[in-house]
C-alpha atoms as a PDB file:
ATOM      1  CA  MET A   1    -142.124 -14.020-114.454  1.00  0.00           C
ATOM      2  CA  LYS A   2    -142.217 -15.390-111.201  1.00  0.00           C
ATOM      3  CA  VAL A   3    -141.179 -18.739-110.368  1.00  0.00           C
ATOM      4  CA  PHE A   4    -141.301 -20.639-106.977  1.00  0.00           C
ATOM      5  CA  ILE A   5    -138.696 -22.816-105.828  1.00  0.00           C
ATOM      6  CA  PRO A   6    -138.972 -26.021-103.797  1.00  0.00           C
ATOM      7  CA  GLU A   7    -137.013 -26.182-100.617  1.00  0.00           C
ATOM      8  CA  PRO A   8    -134.607 -28.870-101.800  1.00  0.00           C
ATOM      9  CA  LEU A   9    -133.455 -26.539-104.612  1.00  0.00           C
ATOM     10  CA  ARG A  10    -133.022 -23.441-102.475  1.00  0.00           C
ATOM     11  CA  SER A  11    -129.540 -24.148-102.092  1.00  0.00           C
ATOM     12  CA  TYR A  12    -129.204 -22.930-105.699  1.00  0.00           C
ATOM     13  CA  THR A  13    -131.154 -19.909-105.043  1.00  0.00           C
ATOM     14  CA  ASN A  14    -129.216 -18.575-102.069  1.00  0.00           C
ATOM     15  CA  GLY A  15    -132.455 -19.462-100.078  1.00  0.00           C
ATOM     16  CA  ALA A  16    -134.836 -17.578-102.073  1.00  0.00           C
ATOM     17  CA  LYS A  17    -138.068 -19.129-102.561  1.00  0.00           C
ATOM     18  CA  ARG A  18    -139.395 -17.019-105.302  1.00  0.00           C
ATOM     19  CA  VAL A  19    -136.992 -15.808-108.090  1.00  0.00           C
ATOM     20  CA  ARG A  20    -137.621 -13.975-111.468  1.00  0.00           C
ATOM     21  CA  ALA A  21    -136.689 -15.729-114.941  1.00  0.00           C
ATOM     22  CA  GLU A  22    -137.814 -15.091-118.394  1.00  0.00           C
ATOM     23  CA  GLY A  23    -138.605 -17.787-121.497  1.00  0.00           C
ATOM     24  CA  ALA A  24    -141.067 -18.303-124.037  1.00  0.00           C
ATOM     25  CA  SER A  25    -141.317 -22.107-123.027  1.00  0.00           C
ATOM     26  CA  LEU A  26    -140.708 -24.005-119.902  1.00  0.00           C
ATOM     27  CA  ALA A  27    -137.519 -25.157-121.557  1.00  0.00           C
ATOM     28  CA  ALA A  28    -136.177 -21.638-122.038  1.00  0.00           C
ATOM     29  CA  LEU A  29    -137.250 -20.522-118.477  1.00  0.00           C
ATOM     30  CA  LEU A  30    -135.119 -23.437-117.252  1.00  0.00           C
ATOM     31  CA  ASP A  31    -132.269 -22.233-119.348  1.00  0.00           C
ATOM     32  CA  ASP A  32    -132.614 -18.734-117.927  1.00  0.00           C
ATOM     33  CA  LEU A  33    -132.604 -20.194-114.372  1.00  0.00           C
ATOM     34  CA  ASP A  34    -129.770 -22.208-115.108  1.00  0.00           C
ATOM     35  CA  ARG A  35    -127.885 -19.269-116.187  1.00  0.00           C
ATOM     36  CA  GLN A  36    -128.946 -17.473-112.808  1.00  0.00           C
ATOM     37  CA  PHE A  37    -128.403 -20.249-110.720  1.00  0.00           C
ATOM     38  CA  PRO A  38    -125.703 -22.484-112.063  1.00  0.00           C
ATOM     39  CA  GLY A  39    -126.395 -26.445-111.647  1.00  0.00           C
ATOM     40  CA  ILE A  40    -130.289 -25.703-110.900  1.00  0.00           C
ATOM     41  CA  ARG A  41    -131.535 -27.221-114.287  1.00  0.00           C
ATOM     42  CA  PHE A  42    -130.011 -30.684-114.033  1.00  0.00           C
ATOM     43  CA  ARG A  43    -131.666 -31.358-110.603  1.00  0.00           C
ATOM     44  CA  ILE A  44    -135.139 -30.577-112.545  1.00  0.00           C
ATOM     45  CA  VAL A  45    -134.542 -32.294-116.237  1.00  0.00           C
ATOM     46  CA  ASP A  46    -132.109 -35.173-117.127  1.00  0.00           C
ATOM     47  CA  GLU A  47    -129.376 -35.968-119.207  1.00  0.00           C
ATOM     48  CA  ARG A  48    -131.792 -36.721-121.952  1.00  0.00           C
ATOM     49  CA  ASP A  49    -133.702 -33.387-121.707  1.00  0.00           C
ATOM     50  CA  ARG A  50    -136.936 -35.070-119.877  1.00  0.00           C
ATOM     51  CA  MET A  51    -138.539 -33.850-116.433  1.00  0.00           C
ATOM     52  CA  ARG A  52    -137.339 -35.520-113.595  1.00  0.00           C
ATOM     53  CA  GLN A  53    -139.926 -38.133-112.455  1.00  0.00           C
ATOM     54  CA  HIS A  54    -139.901 -36.455-108.831  1.00  0.00           C
ATOM     55  CA  VAL A  55    -140.661 -33.081-110.019  1.00  0.00           C
ATOM     56  CA  LYS A  56    -144.074 -31.523-111.023  1.00  0.00           C
ATOM     57  CA  PHE A  57    -144.641 -28.217-112.946  1.00  0.00           C
ATOM     58  CA  PHE A  58    -147.608 -25.834-112.466  1.00  0.00           C
ATOM     59  CA  VAL A  59    -148.227 -22.856-114.478  1.00  0.00           C
ATOM     60  CA  ASN A  60    -150.918 -20.907-113.332  1.00  0.00           C
ATOM     61  CA  ARG A  61    -152.122 -23.480-110.820  1.00  0.00           C
ATOM     62  CA  GLU A  62    -152.430 -25.718-113.786  1.00  0.00           C
ATOM     63  CA  GLN A  63    -149.900 -28.911-113.929  1.00  0.00           C
ATOM     64  CA  VAL A  64    -147.861 -29.117-117.058  1.00  0.00           C
ATOM     65  CA  GLY A  65    -146.041 -32.398-118.566  1.00  0.00           C
ATOM     66  CA  ARG A  66    -143.931 -31.053-121.359  1.00  0.00           C
ATOM     67  CA  LEU A  67    -141.260 -28.712-121.483  1.00  0.00           C
ATOM     68  CA  ASP A  68    -142.337 -26.872-124.736  1.00  0.00           C
ATOM     69  CA  VAL A  69    -145.442 -25.642-122.925  1.00  0.00           C
ATOM     70  CA  ALA A  70    -145.712 -22.080-123.936  1.00  0.00           C
ATOM     71  CA  LEU A  71    -145.151 -19.045-121.270  1.00  0.00           C
ATOM     72  CA  GLY A  72    -146.392 -15.517-120.973  1.00  0.00           C
ATOM     73  CA  PRO A  73    -144.650 -12.858-119.143  1.00  0.00           C
ATOM     74  CA  ASN A  74    -147.003 -12.739-116.409  1.00  0.00           C
ATOM     75  CA  ASP A  75    -147.436 -16.444-115.816  1.00  0.00           C
ATOM     76  CA  GLU A  76    -146.433 -17.806-112.264  1.00  0.00           C
ATOM     77  CA  VAL A  77    -144.851 -20.950-112.303  1.00  0.00           C
ATOM     78  CA  HIS A  78    -144.410 -23.070-109.505  1.00  0.00           C
ATOM     79  CA  ILE A  79    -141.833 -26.244-109.208  1.00  0.00           C
ATOM     80  CA  PHE A  80    -142.856 -28.959-106.530  1.00  0.00           C
ATOM     81  CA  GLN A  81    -140.036 -31.570-106.119  1.00  0.00           C
ATOM     82  CA  ALA A  82    -140.898 -34.846-104.191  1.00  0.00           C
ATOM     83  CA  LEU A  83    -138.755 -36.324-101.388  1.00  0.00           C
ATOM     84  CA  SER A  84    -137.670 -39.472-102.025  1.00  0.00           C
ATOM     85  CA  GLY A  85    -135.588 -42.235-100.241  1.00  0.00           C
ATOM     86  CA  GLY A  86    -136.005 -44.953 -97.625  1.00  0.00           C
END
């Protein structure tokens, strides 16, 4: 499926803004992304396996708030990351 990567995470994907990944759930998709692009998962999910507060996921243009959301092979996943700091 297509995964759209936000600008702050593109250093992990060699600058690619769109990549392909697989997974039956959002958690499995993140595992596949991390296999392909080591270290990206930790920027999205914390050490307690929870979505980081400043990251939002949209599957087929609908916001999702859980990692166990089921995915299909033709879904599109958009990852949005808010910038923070002062």
